[in-house]
Amino acid sequence: QIANLDGTGNATFASGLRNPVGIDFHPKSGELYVAVQERDELGDDLVPDYFTRIQ
């Protein structure tokens, strides 16, 4: 979520991410990247952790 400091203008910036960590901007392009940690210890048939660009 993003919002103004006074709480107005609330909007969704990105969705569908579970436990995003390692968030950073690319130093040259300014694009936002994130590593996502999925569920742990629930078997081998789950979505793996992944690294992605936020669009």
PDB file of N, CA and C in Angstrom:
ATOM      1  N   GLN A   1       0.827  -1.174   0.000  1.00  0.00           N
ATOM      2  CA  GLN A   1       0.000   0.000   0.000  1.00  0.00           C
ATOM      3  C   GLN A   1       0.878   1.246   0.000  1.00  0.00           C
ATOM      4  N   ILE A   2       0.392   2.277  -0.650  1.00  0.00           N
ATOM      5  CA  ILE A   2       1.039   3.584  -0.593  1.00  0.00           C
ATOM      6  C   ILE A   2      -0.008   4.608  -0.164  1.00  0.00           C
ATOM      7  N   ALA A   3       0.442   5.677   0.473  1.00  0.00           N
ATOM      8  CA  ALA A   3      -0.477   6.722   0.925  1.00  0.00           C
ATOM      9  C   ALA A   3       0.311   7.998   1.176  1.00  0.00           C
ATOM     10  N   ASN A   4      -0.392   9.100   1.231  1.00  0.00           N
ATOM     11  CA  ASN A   4       0.215  10.365   1.628  1.00  0.00           C
ATOM     12  C   ASN A   4       0.484  10.324   3.126  1.00  0.00           C
ATOM     13  N   LEU A   5       1.355  11.187   3.607  1.00  0.00           N
ATOM     14  CA  LEU A   5       1.692  11.209   5.029  1.00  0.00           C
ATOM     15  C   LEU A   5       0.483  11.465   5.922  1.00  0.00           C
ATOM     16  N   ASP A   6      -0.512  12.182   5.409  1.00  0.00           N
ATOM     17  CA  ASP A   6      -1.703  12.453   6.222  1.00  0.00           C
ATOM     18  C   ASP A   6      -2.740  11.329   6.151  1.00  0.00           C
ATOM     19  N   GLY A   7      -2.419  10.235   5.443  1.00  0.00           N
ATOM     20  CA  GLY A   7      -3.310   9.080   5.365  1.00  0.00           C
ATOM     21  C   GLY A   7      -4.260   9.086   4.186  1.00  0.00           C
ATOM     22  N   THR A   8      -4.266  10.156   3.399  1.00  0.00           N
ATOM     23  CA  THR A   8      -5.133  10.206   2.223  1.00  0.00           C
ATOM     24  C   THR A   8      -4.427   9.579   1.028  1.00  0.00           C
ATOM     25  N   GLY A   9      -5.184   9.324  -0.029  1.00  0.00           N
ATOM     26  CA  GLY A   9      -4.601   8.803  -1.260  1.00  0.00           C
ATOM     27  C   GLY A   9      -4.134   7.367  -1.165  1.00  0.00           C
ATOM     28  N   ASN A  10      -4.755   6.568  -0.310  1.00  0.00           N
ATOM     29  CA  ASN A  10      -4.375   5.171  -0.126  1.00  0.00           C
ATOM     30  C   ASN A  10      -4.595   4.384  -1.423  1.00  0.00           C
ATOM     31  N   ALA A  11      -3.574   3.655  -1.881  1.00  0.00           N
ATOM     32  CA  ALA A  11      -3.669   2.870  -3.114  1.00  0.00           C
ATOM     33  C   ALA A  11      -2.770   1.640  -3.022  1.00  0.00           C
ATOM     34  N   THR A  12      -3.128   0.612  -3.774  1.00  0.00           N
ATOM     35  CA  THR A  12      -2.308  -0.595  -3.829  1.00  0.00           C
ATOM     36  C   THR A  12      -1.164  -0.380  -4.803  1.00  0.00           C
ATOM     37  N   PHE A  13       0.065  -0.615  -4.355  1.00  0.00           N
ATOM     38  CA  PHE A  13       1.248  -0.483  -5.200  1.00  0.00           C
ATOM     39  C   PHE A  13       1.594  -1.812  -5.843  1.00  0.00           C
ATOM     40  N   ALA A  14       1.510  -2.902  -5.081  1.00  0.00           N
ATOM     41  CA  ALA A  14       1.782  -4.252  -5.588  1.00  0.00           C
ATOM     42  C   ALA A  14       0.936  -5.234  -4.786  1.00  0.00           C
ATOM     43  N   SER A  15       0.513  -6.311  -5.432  1.00  0.00           N
ATOM     44  CA  SER A  15      -0.273  -7.327  -4.735  1.00  0.00           C
ATOM     45  C   SER A  15       0.198  -8.712  -5.159  1.00  0.00           C
ATOM     46  N   GLY A  16      -0.240  -9.724  -4.420  1.00  0.00           N
ATOM     47  CA  GLY A  16       0.109 -11.096  -4.755  1.00  0.00           C
ATOM     48  C   GLY A  16       1.452 -11.543  -4.224  1.00  0.00           C
ATOM     49  N   LEU A  17       2.059 -10.754  -3.346  1.00  0.00           N
ATOM     50  CA  LEU A  17       3.358 -11.103  -2.778  1.00  0.00           C
ATOM     51  C   LEU A  17       3.162 -11.596  -1.355  1.00  0.00           C
ATOM     52  N   ARG A  18       3.717 -12.758  -1.055  1.00  0.00           N
ATOM     53  CA  ARG A  18       3.634 -13.286   0.303  1.00  0.00           C
ATOM     54  C   ARG A  18       4.995 -13.124   0.961  1.00  0.00           C
ATOM     55  N   ASN A  19       5.053 -12.381   2.034  1.00  0.00           N
ATOM     56  CA  ASN A  19       6.279 -12.195   2.808  1.00  0.00           C
ATOM     57  C   ASN A  19       7.439 -11.671   1.955  1.00  0.00           C
ATOM     58  N   PRO A  20       7.272 -10.514   1.304  1.00  0.00           N
ATOM     59  CA  PRO A  20       8.379  -9.961   0.520  1.00  0.00           C
ATOM     60  C   PRO A  20       9.518  -9.491   1.427  1.00  0.00           C
ATOM     61  N   VAL A  21      10.733  -9.834   1.056  1.00  0.00           N
ATOM     62  CA  VAL A  21      11.936  -9.438   1.800  1.00  0.00           C
ATOM     63  C   VAL A  21      12.992  -8.992   0.791  1.00  0.00           C
ATOM     64  N   GLY A  22      14.035  -8.381   1.248  1.00  0.00           N
ATOM     65  CA  GLY A  22      15.130  -8.000   0.351  1.00  0.00           C
ATOM     66  C   GLY A  22      14.705  -7.014  -0.717  1.00  0.00           C
ATOM     67  N   ILE A  23      13.863  -6.063  -0.368  1.00  0.00           N
ATOM     68  CA  ILE A  23      13.352  -5.093  -1.331  1.00  0.00           C
ATOM     69  C   ILE A  23      14.425  -4.042  -1.622  1.00  0.00           C
ATOM     70  N   ASP A  24      14.651  -3.765  -2.934  1.00  0.00           N
ATOM     71  CA  ASP A  24      15.663  -2.771  -3.292  1.00  0.00           C
ATOM     72  C   ASP A  24      15.412  -2.262  -4.706  1.00  0.00           C
ATOM     73  N   PHE A  25      15.921  -1.067  -4.979  1.00  0.00           N
ATOM     74  CA  PHE A  25      15.836  -0.476  -6.308  1.00  0.00           C
ATOM     75  C   PHE A  25      17.123  -0.747  -7.073  1.00  0.00           C
ATOM     76  N   HIS A  26      17.006  -1.019  -8.383  1.00  0.00           N
ATOM     77  CA  HIS A  26      18.175  -1.188  -9.241  1.00  0.00           C
ATOM     78  C   HIS A  26      18.878   0.165  -9.318  1.00  0.00           C
ATOM     79  N   PRO A  27      20.195   0.206  -9.127  1.00  0.00           N
ATOM     80  CA  PRO A  27      20.900   1.494  -9.048  1.00  0.00           C
ATOM     81  C   PRO A  27      20.884   2.310 -10.336  1.00  0.00           C
ATOM     82  N   LYS A  28      20.747   1.668 -11.493  1.00  0.00           N
ATOM     83  CA  LYS A  28      20.761   2.417 -12.755  1.00  0.00           C
ATOM     84  C   LYS A  28      19.366   2.641 -13.323  1.00  0.00           C
ATOM     85  N   SER A  29      18.528   1.616 -13.318  1.00  0.00           N
ATOM     86  CA  SER A  29      17.206   1.736 -13.940  1.00  0.00           C
ATOM     87  C   SER A  29      16.145   2.284 -12.990  1.00  0.00           C
ATOM     88  N   GLY A  30      16.371   2.157 -11.674  1.00  0.00           N
ATOM     89  CA  GLY A  30      15.380   2.593 -10.702  1.00  0.00           C
ATOM     90  C   GLY A  30      14.228   1.619 -10.524  1.00  0.00           C
ATOM     91  N   GLU A  31      14.277   0.458 -11.207  1.00  0.00           N
ATOM     92  CA  GLU A  31      13.219  -0.542 -11.073  1.00  0.00           C
ATOM     93  C   GLU A  31      13.283  -1.193  -9.695  1.00  0.00           C
ATOM     94  N   LEU A  32      12.117  -1.573  -9.182  1.00  0.00           N
ATOM     95  CA  LEU A  32      12.016  -2.170  -7.862  1.00  0.00           C
ATOM     96  C   LEU A  32      12.047  -3.695  -7.970  1.00  0.00           C
ATOM     97  N   TYR A  33      12.923  -4.330  -7.185  1.00  0.00           N
ATOM     98  CA  TYR A  33      13.050  -5.791  -7.147  1.00  0.00           C
ATOM     99  C   TYR A  33      12.801  -6.273  -5.730  1.00  0.00           C
ATOM    100  N   VAL A  34      12.333  -7.524  -5.615  1.00  0.00           N
ATOM    101  CA  VAL A  34      12.034  -8.092  -4.307  1.00  0.00           C
ATOM    102  C   VAL A  34      12.252  -9.602  -4.334  1.00  0.00           C
ATOM    103  N   ALA A  35      12.725 -10.130  -3.216  1.00  0.00           N
ATOM    104  CA  ALA A  35      12.773 -11.580  -3.012  1.00  0.00           C
ATOM    105  C   ALA A  35      11.555 -11.933  -2.165  1.00  0.00           C
ATOM    106  N   VAL A  36      10.853 -12.992  -2.554  1.00  0.00           N
ATOM    107  CA  VAL A  36       9.628 -13.400  -1.867  1.00  0.00           C
ATOM    108  C   VAL A  36       9.845 -14.752  -1.208  1.00  0.00           C
ATOM    109  N   GLN A  37       9.560 -14.834   0.082  1.00  0.00           N
ATOM    110  CA  GLN A  37       9.656 -16.102   0.808  1.00  0.00           C
ATOM    111  C   GLN A  37       8.272 -16.728   0.868  1.00  0.00           C
ATOM    112  N   GLU A  38       8.149 -17.905   0.315  1.00  0.00           N
ATOM    113  CA  GLU A  38       6.874 -18.626   0.354  1.00  0.00           C
ATOM    114  C   GLU A  38       6.789 -19.464   1.620  1.00  0.00           C
ATOM    115  N   ARG A  39       5.829 -20.363   1.700  1.00  0.00           N
ATOM    116  CA  ARG A  39       5.611 -21.174   2.903  1.00  0.00           C
ATOM    117  C   ARG A  39       6.758 -22.142   3.156  1.00  0.00           C
ATOM    118  N   ASP A  40       7.001 -22.434   4.415  1.00  0.00           N
ATOM    119  CA  ASP A  40       8.062 -23.355   4.820  1.00  0.00           C
ATOM    120  C   ASP A  40       7.478 -24.583   5.510  1.00  0.00           C
ATOM    121  N   GLU A  41       8.199 -25.681   5.404  1.00  0.00           N
ATOM    122  CA  GLU A  41       7.930 -26.915   6.148  1.00  0.00           C
ATOM    123  C   GLU A  41       6.538 -27.496   5.914  1.00  0.00           C
ATOM    124  N   LEU A  42       6.007 -27.355   4.698  1.00  0.00           N
ATOM    125  CA  LEU A  42       4.699 -27.927   4.383  1.00  0.00           C
ATOM    126  C   LEU A  42       4.780 -28.915   3.225  1.00  0.00           C
ATOM    127  N   GLY A  43       5.970 -29.437   2.932  1.00  0.00           N
ATOM    128  CA  GLY A  43       6.117 -30.397   1.845  1.00  0.00           C
ATOM    129  C   GLY A  43       6.909 -29.837   0.686  1.00  0.00           C
ATOM    130  N   ASP A  44       7.116 -30.679  -0.322  1.00  0.00           N
ATOM    131  CA  ASP A  44       7.950 -30.302  -1.467  1.00  0.00           C
ATOM    132  C   ASP A  44       7.153 -29.793  -2.665  1.00  0.00           C
ATOM    133  N   ASP A  45       5.835 -29.815  -2.622  1.00  0.00           N
ATOM    134  CA  ASP A  45       5.017 -29.446  -3.777  1.00  0.00           C
ATOM    135  C   ASP A  45       4.508 -28.010  -3.716  1.00  0.00           C
ATOM    136  N   LEU A  46       5.218 -27.145  -3.021  1.00  0.00           N
ATOM    137  CA  LEU A  46       4.800 -25.753  -2.879  1.00  0.00           C
ATOM    138  C   LEU A  46       5.573 -24.849  -3.832  1.00  0.00           C
ATOM    139  N   VAL A  47       5.061 -23.655  -4.026  1.00  0.00           N
ATOM    140  CA  VAL A  47       5.764 -22.653  -4.825  1.00  0.00           C
ATOM    141  C   VAL A  47       7.079 -22.323  -4.133  1.00  0.00           C
ATOM    142  N   PRO A  48       8.208 -22.317  -4.867  1.00  0.00           N
ATOM    143  CA  PRO A  48       9.492 -21.992  -4.234  1.00  0.00           C
ATOM    144  C   PRO A  48       9.623 -20.486  -3.974  1.00  0.00           C
ATOM    145  N   ASP A  49      10.585 -20.119  -3.147  1.00  0.00           N
ATOM    146  CA  ASP A  49      10.926 -18.708  -2.976  1.00  0.00           C
ATOM    147  C   ASP A  49      11.371 -18.183  -4.339  1.00  0.00           C
ATOM    148  N   TYR A  50      11.183 -16.886  -4.583  1.00  0.00           N
ATOM    149  CA  TYR A  50      11.579 -16.352  -5.883  1.00  0.00           C
ATOM    150  C   TYR A  50      11.978 -14.887  -5.784  1.00  0.00           C
ATOM    151  N   PHE A  51      12.660 -14.420  -6.837  1.00  0.00           N
ATOM    152  CA  PHE A  51      13.148 -13.053  -6.974  1.00  0.00           C
ATOM    153  C   PHE A  51      12.440 -12.458  -8.178  1.00  0.00           C
ATOM    154  N   THR A  52      11.868 -11.261  -8.052  1.00  0.00           N
ATOM    155  CA  THR A  52      11.097 -10.702  -9.157  1.00  0.00           C
ATOM    156  C   THR A  52      11.177  -9.178  -9.195  1.00  0.00           C
ATOM    157  N   ARG A  53      10.851  -8.633 -10.345  1.00  0.00           N
ATOM    158  CA  ARG A  53      10.758  -7.184 -10.516  1.00  0.00           C
ATOM    159  C   ARG A  53       9.303  -6.782 -10.323  1.00  0.00           C
ATOM    160  N   ILE A  54       9.067  -5.730  -9.567  1.00  0.00           N
ATOM    161  CA  ILE A  54       7.717  -5.222  -9.336  1.00  0.00           C
ATOM    162  C   ILE A  54       7.357  -4.282 -10.476  1.00  0.00           C
ATOM    163  N   GLN A  55       6.221  -4.536 -11.113  1.00  0.00           N
ATOM    164  CA  GLN A  55       5.785  -3.704 -12.241  1.00  0.00           C
ATOM    165  C   GLN A  55       4.500  -2.999 -11.919  1.00  0.00           C
TER     166      GLN A  55
END
